[in-house]
Amino acid sequence: MTTKKTATTTVKATAKKELVQKDPAPAKAAAKKSKKEHKEKVVRDSFTMPQSEYQKIAEIKEACLKAGQPVKKSEVLRAGLKALGEMNAAQLKRALAGLEKIKTGRPKKPS
């Protein structure tokens, strides 16, 4: 009887070793590394724009929300940049010509 018990224990131990060797965790770790390598670094910046144009961002966000697609302000701006990037030179020139020239920098605080 003791040999039967030892044989069963040996089979169980061998099965555990095989499970440990077949562990897919290293494959997942390699997949995660490859995803991280493709992520682009994000940059934080600030800018100045007229109040009416800033309000337009809120209007676009509201329209997206009503359409069932909630978006963030940065997503609205990035979508706009993508749309501008897809324009040809003449279209881009017309779009930029219609913008009001503003003074850059932070507004002065009232004294």
N, C-alpha and C. Protein backbone atom coordinates (compact mmCIF):
# COMPACT_ATOMS: atom_id res chain seq x y z
N MET A 1 0.79 -1.19 0.00
CA MET A 1 0.00 0.00 0.00
C MET A 1 0.84 1.26 0.00
N THR A 2 1.96 1.23 0.63
CA THR A 2 2.79 2.42 0.70
C THR A 2 3.33 2.81 -0.67
N THR A 3 3.61 1.85 -1.54
CA THR A 3 4.11 2.17 -2.87
C THR A 3 3.02 2.83 -3.72
N LYS A 4 1.78 2.44 -3.52
CA LYS A 4 0.69 3.04 -4.26
C LYS A 4 0.53 4.50 -3.86
N LYS A 5 0.62 4.77 -2.57
CA LYS A 5 0.49 6.12 -2.04
C LYS A 5 1.63 7.00 -2.56
N THR A 6 2.83 6.49 -2.59
CA THR A 6 3.99 7.22 -3.07
C THR A 6 3.87 7.51 -4.56
N ALA A 7 3.37 6.55 -5.31
CA ALA A 7 3.20 6.73 -6.75
C ALA A 7 2.19 7.84 -7.03
N THR A 8 1.09 7.88 -6.27
CA THR A 8 0.06 8.91 -6.45
C THR A 8 0.65 10.28 -6.11
N THR A 9 1.41 10.35 -5.05
CA THR A 9 2.04 11.61 -4.65
C THR A 9 3.02 12.08 -5.71
N THR A 10 3.77 11.16 -6.29
CA THR A 10 4.74 11.50 -7.34
C THR A 10 4.03 12.02 -8.58
N VAL A 11 2.91 11.40 -8.95
CA VAL A 11 2.14 11.83 -10.12
C VAL A 11 1.60 13.24 -9.89
N LYS A 12 1.09 13.50 -8.69
CA LYS A 12 0.57 14.83 -8.37
C LYS A 12 1.68 15.87 -8.40
N ALA A 13 2.82 15.55 -7.87
CA ALA A 13 3.95 16.48 -7.87
C ALA A 13 4.41 16.78 -9.29
N THR A 14 4.43 15.75 -10.14
CA THR A 14 4.83 15.93 -11.54
C THR A 14 3.81 16.82 -12.26
N ALA A 15 2.54 16.61 -11.98
CA ALA A 15 1.49 17.42 -12.62
C ALA A 15 1.63 18.88 -12.21
N LYS A 16 1.95 19.16 -10.95
CA LYS A 16 2.14 20.53 -10.48
C LYS A 16 3.33 21.18 -11.17
N LYS A 17 4.41 20.41 -11.34
CA LYS A 17 5.59 20.95 -12.02
C LYS A 17 5.27 21.31 -13.46
N GLU A 18 4.46 20.48 -14.13
CA GLU A 18 4.08 20.75 -15.51
C GLU A 18 3.22 22.01 -15.59
N LEU A 19 2.34 22.20 -14.63
CA LEU A 19 1.50 23.41 -14.62
C LEU A 19 2.35 24.66 -14.44
N VAL A 20 3.32 24.54 -13.57
CA VAL A 20 4.21 25.68 -13.34
C VAL A 20 5.02 25.98 -14.59
N GLN A 21 5.46 24.96 -15.29
CA GLN A 21 6.25 25.17 -16.50
C GLN A 21 5.41 25.72 -17.63
N LYS A 22 4.12 25.39 -17.69
CA LYS A 22 3.25 25.85 -18.76
C LYS A 22 2.59 27.18 -18.43
N ASP A 23 2.98 27.84 -17.36
CA ASP A 23 2.37 29.09 -16.92
C ASP A 23 2.49 30.16 -18.03
N PRO A 24 1.37 30.70 -18.50
CA PRO A 24 1.40 31.69 -19.58
C PRO A 24 1.78 33.09 -19.11
N ALA A 25 2.09 33.28 -17.85
CA ALA A 25 2.42 34.61 -17.33
C ALA A 25 3.59 35.26 -18.08
N PRO A 26 4.67 34.56 -18.39
CA PRO A 26 5.75 35.21 -19.13
C PRO A 26 5.30 35.73 -20.50
N ALA A 27 4.40 35.01 -21.14
CA ALA A 27 3.89 35.47 -22.44
C ALA A 27 3.08 36.74 -22.26
N LYS A 28 2.29 36.82 -21.21
CA LYS A 28 1.51 38.03 -20.94
C LYS A 28 2.44 39.21 -20.63
N ALA A 29 3.49 38.96 -19.88
CA ALA A 29 4.43 40.03 -19.55
C ALA A 29 5.10 40.56 -20.81
N ALA A 30 5.43 39.68 -21.73
CA ALA A 30 6.05 40.10 -22.99
C ALA A 30 5.06 40.91 -23.82
N ALA A 31 3.79 40.52 -23.80
CA ALA A 31 2.76 41.25 -24.54
C ALA A 31 2.57 42.64 -23.95
N LYS A 32 2.58 42.75 -22.63
CA LYS A 32 2.44 44.05 -21.98
C LYS A 32 3.60 44.97 -22.33
N LYS A 33 4.81 44.43 -22.37
CA LYS A 33 5.98 45.24 -22.71
C LYS A 33 5.85 45.80 -24.12
N SER A 34 5.38 44.98 -25.06
CA SER A 34 5.27 45.45 -26.43
C SER A 34 4.22 46.53 -26.55
N LYS A 35 3.14 46.46 -25.76
CA LYS A 35 2.12 47.51 -25.78
C LYS A 35 2.68 48.81 -25.21
N LYS A 36 3.46 48.73 -24.15
CA LYS A 36 4.03 49.93 -23.54
C LYS A 36 5.03 50.60 -24.47
N GLU A 37 5.73 49.83 -25.26
CA GLU A 37 6.71 50.40 -26.18
C GLU A 37 6.05 51.25 -27.25
N HIS A 38 4.80 50.93 -27.61
CA HIS A 38 4.10 51.65 -28.66
C HIS A 38 3.40 52.91 -28.16
N LYS A 39 3.24 53.07 -26.85
CA LYS A 39 2.56 54.23 -26.32
C LYS A 39 3.41 55.48 -26.55
N GLU A 40 2.75 56.51 -27.00
CA GLU A 40 3.44 57.76 -27.24
C GLU A 40 3.41 58.59 -25.96
N LYS A 41 4.48 59.29 -25.71
CA LYS A 41 4.59 60.13 -24.53
C LYS A 41 3.61 61.30 -24.66
N VAL A 42 2.91 61.63 -23.58
CA VAL A 42 1.98 62.75 -23.60
C VAL A 42 2.68 64.01 -23.11
N VAL A 43 2.24 65.14 -23.62
CA VAL A 43 2.84 66.42 -23.28
C VAL A 43 1.77 67.32 -22.69
N ARG A 44 2.08 67.99 -21.62
CA ARG A 44 1.16 68.92 -20.99
C ARG A 44 1.52 70.33 -21.45
N ASP A 45 0.51 71.12 -21.83
CA ASP A 45 0.75 72.45 -22.34
C ASP A 45 -0.42 73.35 -21.97
N SER A 46 -0.24 74.64 -22.13
CA SER A 46 -1.34 75.58 -21.91
C SER A 46 -1.38 76.54 -23.09
N PHE A 47 -2.53 77.15 -23.33
CA PHE A 47 -2.69 78.04 -24.47
C PHE A 47 -3.76 79.06 -24.16
N THR A 48 -3.84 80.07 -24.97
CA THR A 48 -4.81 81.15 -24.82
C THR A 48 -5.74 81.13 -26.02
N MET A 49 -7.04 81.35 -25.76
CA MET A 49 -8.00 81.43 -26.86
C MET A 49 -9.16 82.32 -26.43
N PRO A 50 -9.85 82.90 -27.39
CA PRO A 50 -11.01 83.73 -27.05
C PRO A 50 -12.10 82.91 -26.35
N GLN A 51 -12.85 83.58 -25.50
CA GLN A 51 -13.92 82.92 -24.74
C GLN A 51 -14.92 82.23 -25.66
N SER A 52 -15.26 82.85 -26.78
CA SER A 52 -16.26 82.26 -27.69
C SER A 52 -15.78 80.93 -28.27
N GLU A 53 -14.49 80.84 -28.57
CA GLU A 53 -13.94 79.59 -29.11
C GLU A 53 -13.83 78.53 -28.02
N TYR A 54 -13.50 78.97 -26.81
CA TYR A 54 -13.44 78.04 -25.68
C TYR A 54 -14.83 77.47 -25.40
N GLN A 55 -15.86 78.32 -25.53
CA GLN A 55 -17.24 77.88 -25.33
C GLN A 55 -17.64 76.85 -26.38
N LYS A 56 -17.07 76.97 -27.57
CA LYS A 56 -17.36 76.02 -28.65
C LYS A 56 -16.96 74.60 -28.25
N ILE A 57 -15.88 74.48 -27.49
CA ILE A 57 -15.45 73.15 -27.00
C ILE A 57 -16.55 72.55 -26.14
N ALA A 58 -17.13 73.36 -25.24
CA ALA A 58 -18.21 72.87 -24.37
C ALA A 58 -19.43 72.47 -25.20
N GLU A 59 -19.73 73.23 -26.26
CA GLU A 59 -20.86 72.90 -27.12
C GLU A 59 -20.63 71.57 -27.85
N ILE A 60 -19.42 71.36 -28.31
CA ILE A 60 -19.09 70.11 -29.00
C ILE A 60 -19.17 68.93 -28.03
N LYS A 61 -18.66 69.14 -26.81
CA LYS A 61 -18.74 68.08 -25.80
C LYS A 61 -20.20 67.73 -25.51
N GLU A 62 -21.06 68.74 -25.42
CA GLU A 62 -22.48 68.52 -25.14
C GLU A 62 -23.14 67.77 -26.30
N ALA A 63 -22.80 68.14 -27.53
CA ALA A 63 -23.36 67.44 -28.70
C ALA A 63 -22.93 65.98 -28.72
N CYS A 64 -21.68 65.73 -28.38
CA CYS A 64 -21.18 64.34 -28.33
C CYS A 64 -21.90 63.55 -27.23
N LEU A 65 -22.13 64.19 -26.10
CA LEU A 65 -22.81 63.53 -24.99
C LEU A 65 -24.24 63.15 -25.39
N LYS A 66 -24.93 64.06 -26.09
CA LYS A 66 -26.30 63.77 -26.57
C LYS A 66 -26.29 62.62 -27.58
N ALA A 67 -25.20 62.51 -28.34
CA ALA A 67 -25.08 61.44 -29.33
C ALA A 67 -24.63 60.12 -28.70
N GLY A 68 -24.43 60.13 -27.38
CA GLY A 68 -24.03 58.91 -26.69
C GLY A 68 -22.54 58.65 -26.70
N GLN A 69 -21.75 59.68 -26.99
CA GLN A 69 -20.30 59.54 -27.04
C GLN A 69 -19.66 60.62 -26.15
N PRO A 70 -19.59 60.37 -24.83
CA PRO A 70 -18.96 61.38 -23.97
C PRO A 70 -17.47 61.52 -24.30
N VAL A 71 -17.01 62.77 -24.39
CA VAL A 71 -15.61 63.03 -24.72
C VAL A 71 -15.02 64.03 -23.74
N LYS A 72 -13.72 64.06 -23.70
CA LYS A 72 -12.99 65.02 -22.88
C LYS A 72 -12.55 66.18 -23.76
N LYS A 73 -12.22 67.28 -23.11
CA LYS A 73 -11.78 68.47 -23.85
C LYS A 73 -10.56 68.15 -24.71
N SER A 74 -9.64 67.41 -24.18
CA SER A 74 -8.43 67.08 -24.95
C SER A 74 -8.77 66.24 -26.18
N GLU A 75 -9.78 65.38 -26.07
CA GLU A 75 -10.19 64.57 -27.22
C GLU A 75 -10.80 65.43 -28.32
N VAL A 76 -11.57 66.46 -27.91
CA VAL A 76 -12.14 67.38 -28.89
C VAL A 76 -11.02 68.12 -29.63
N LEU A 77 -10.04 68.60 -28.87
CA LEU A 77 -8.92 69.33 -29.49
C LEU A 77 -8.10 68.42 -30.39
N ARG A 78 -7.86 67.20 -29.96
CA ARG A 78 -7.09 66.26 -30.78
C ARG A 78 -7.82 65.90 -32.06
N ALA A 79 -9.16 65.76 -31.98
CA ALA A 79 -9.96 65.46 -33.18
C ALA A 79 -9.88 66.64 -34.15
N GLY A 80 -9.90 67.86 -33.61
CA GLY A 80 -9.77 69.05 -34.45
C GLY A 80 -8.42 69.08 -35.15
N LEU A 81 -7.37 68.74 -34.42
CA LEU A 81 -6.03 68.70 -35.02
C LEU A 81 -5.94 67.64 -36.12
N LYS A 82 -6.59 66.52 -35.88
CA LYS A 82 -6.59 65.46 -36.88
C LYS A 82 -7.31 65.93 -38.15
N ALA A 83 -8.45 66.62 -37.96
CA ALA A 83 -9.20 67.13 -39.10
C ALA A 83 -8.38 68.17 -39.87
N LEU A 84 -7.68 69.04 -39.15
CA LEU A 84 -6.83 70.04 -39.81
C LEU A 84 -5.68 69.36 -40.56
N GLY A 85 -5.14 68.31 -39.99
CA GLY A 85 -4.04 67.59 -40.63
C GLY A 85 -4.44 66.90 -41.91
N GLU A 86 -5.71 66.60 -42.06
CA GLU A 86 -6.20 65.93 -43.26
C GLU A 86 -6.55 66.90 -44.39
N MET A 87 -6.50 68.21 -44.10
CA MET A 87 -6.83 69.22 -45.12
C MET A 87 -5.65 69.43 -46.06
N ASN A 88 -5.97 69.85 -47.28
CA ASN A 88 -4.88 70.24 -48.18
C ASN A 88 -4.45 71.66 -47.83
N ALA A 89 -3.42 72.16 -48.45
CA ALA A 89 -2.84 73.46 -48.09
C ALA A 89 -3.85 74.60 -48.25
N ALA A 90 -4.63 74.59 -49.31
CA ALA A 90 -5.59 75.67 -49.56
C ALA A 90 -6.69 75.67 -48.49
N GLN A 91 -7.20 74.49 -48.12
CA GLN A 91 -8.24 74.39 -47.10
C GLN A 91 -7.70 74.85 -45.75
N LEU A 92 -6.50 74.44 -45.44
CA LEU A 92 -5.87 74.81 -44.17
C LEU A 92 -5.65 76.33 -44.10
N LYS A 93 -5.21 76.91 -45.21
CA LYS A 93 -4.97 78.35 -45.26
C LYS A 93 -6.28 79.11 -45.02
N ARG A 94 -7.38 78.66 -45.63
CA ARG A 94 -8.69 79.30 -45.43
C ARG A 94 -9.14 79.19 -43.98
N ALA A 95 -8.97 78.02 -43.39
CA ALA A 95 -9.39 77.81 -42.00
C ALA A 95 -8.61 78.71 -41.04
N LEU A 96 -7.32 78.84 -41.26
CA LEU A 96 -6.48 79.64 -40.37
C LEU A 96 -6.65 81.14 -40.62
N ALA A 97 -7.00 81.52 -41.85
CA ALA A 97 -7.20 82.93 -42.17
C ALA A 97 -8.41 83.49 -41.44
N GLY A 98 -9.38 82.66 -41.13
CA GLY A 98 -10.59 83.10 -40.46
C GLY A 98 -10.43 83.29 -38.96
N LEU A 99 -9.28 82.98 -38.41
CA LEU A 99 -9.07 83.10 -36.97
C LEU A 99 -8.67 84.52 -36.59
N GLU A 100 -9.18 84.95 -35.45
CA GLU A 100 -8.82 86.26 -34.89
C GLU A 100 -7.41 86.15 -34.28
N LYS A 101 -6.57 87.13 -34.56
CA LYS A 101 -5.23 87.16 -33.96
C LYS A 101 -5.37 87.62 -32.51
N ILE A 102 -4.77 86.89 -31.59
CA ILE A 102 -4.86 87.24 -30.17
C ILE A 102 -3.47 87.40 -29.60
N LYS A 103 -3.42 88.13 -28.51
CA LYS A 103 -2.16 88.34 -27.81
C LYS A 103 -1.86 87.07 -27.01
N THR A 104 -0.66 86.55 -27.15
CA THR A 104 -0.30 85.32 -26.43
C THR A 104 0.09 85.63 -25.00
N GLY A 105 0.10 84.61 -24.18
CA GLY A 105 0.50 84.75 -22.79
C GLY A 105 -0.71 84.80 -21.87
N ARG A 106 -0.43 84.86 -20.59
CA ARG A 106 -1.50 84.90 -19.60
C ARG A 106 -2.03 86.33 -19.47
N PRO A 107 -3.35 86.47 -19.27
CA PRO A 107 -3.89 87.81 -19.07
C PRO A 107 -3.39 88.40 -17.76
N LYS A 108 -3.23 89.71 -17.75
CA LYS A 108 -2.77 90.39 -16.52
C LYS A 108 -3.88 90.37 -15.49
N LYS A 109 -3.48 90.17 -14.22
CA LYS A 109 -4.45 90.17 -13.14
C LYS A 109 -4.83 91.61 -12.82
N PRO A 110 -6.13 91.85 -12.58
CA PRO A 110 -6.54 93.21 -12.22
C PRO A 110 -5.96 93.58 -10.85
N SER A 111 -5.49 94.81 -10.71
CA SER A 111 -4.87 95.24 -9.44
C SER A 111 -5.89 95.69 -8.45
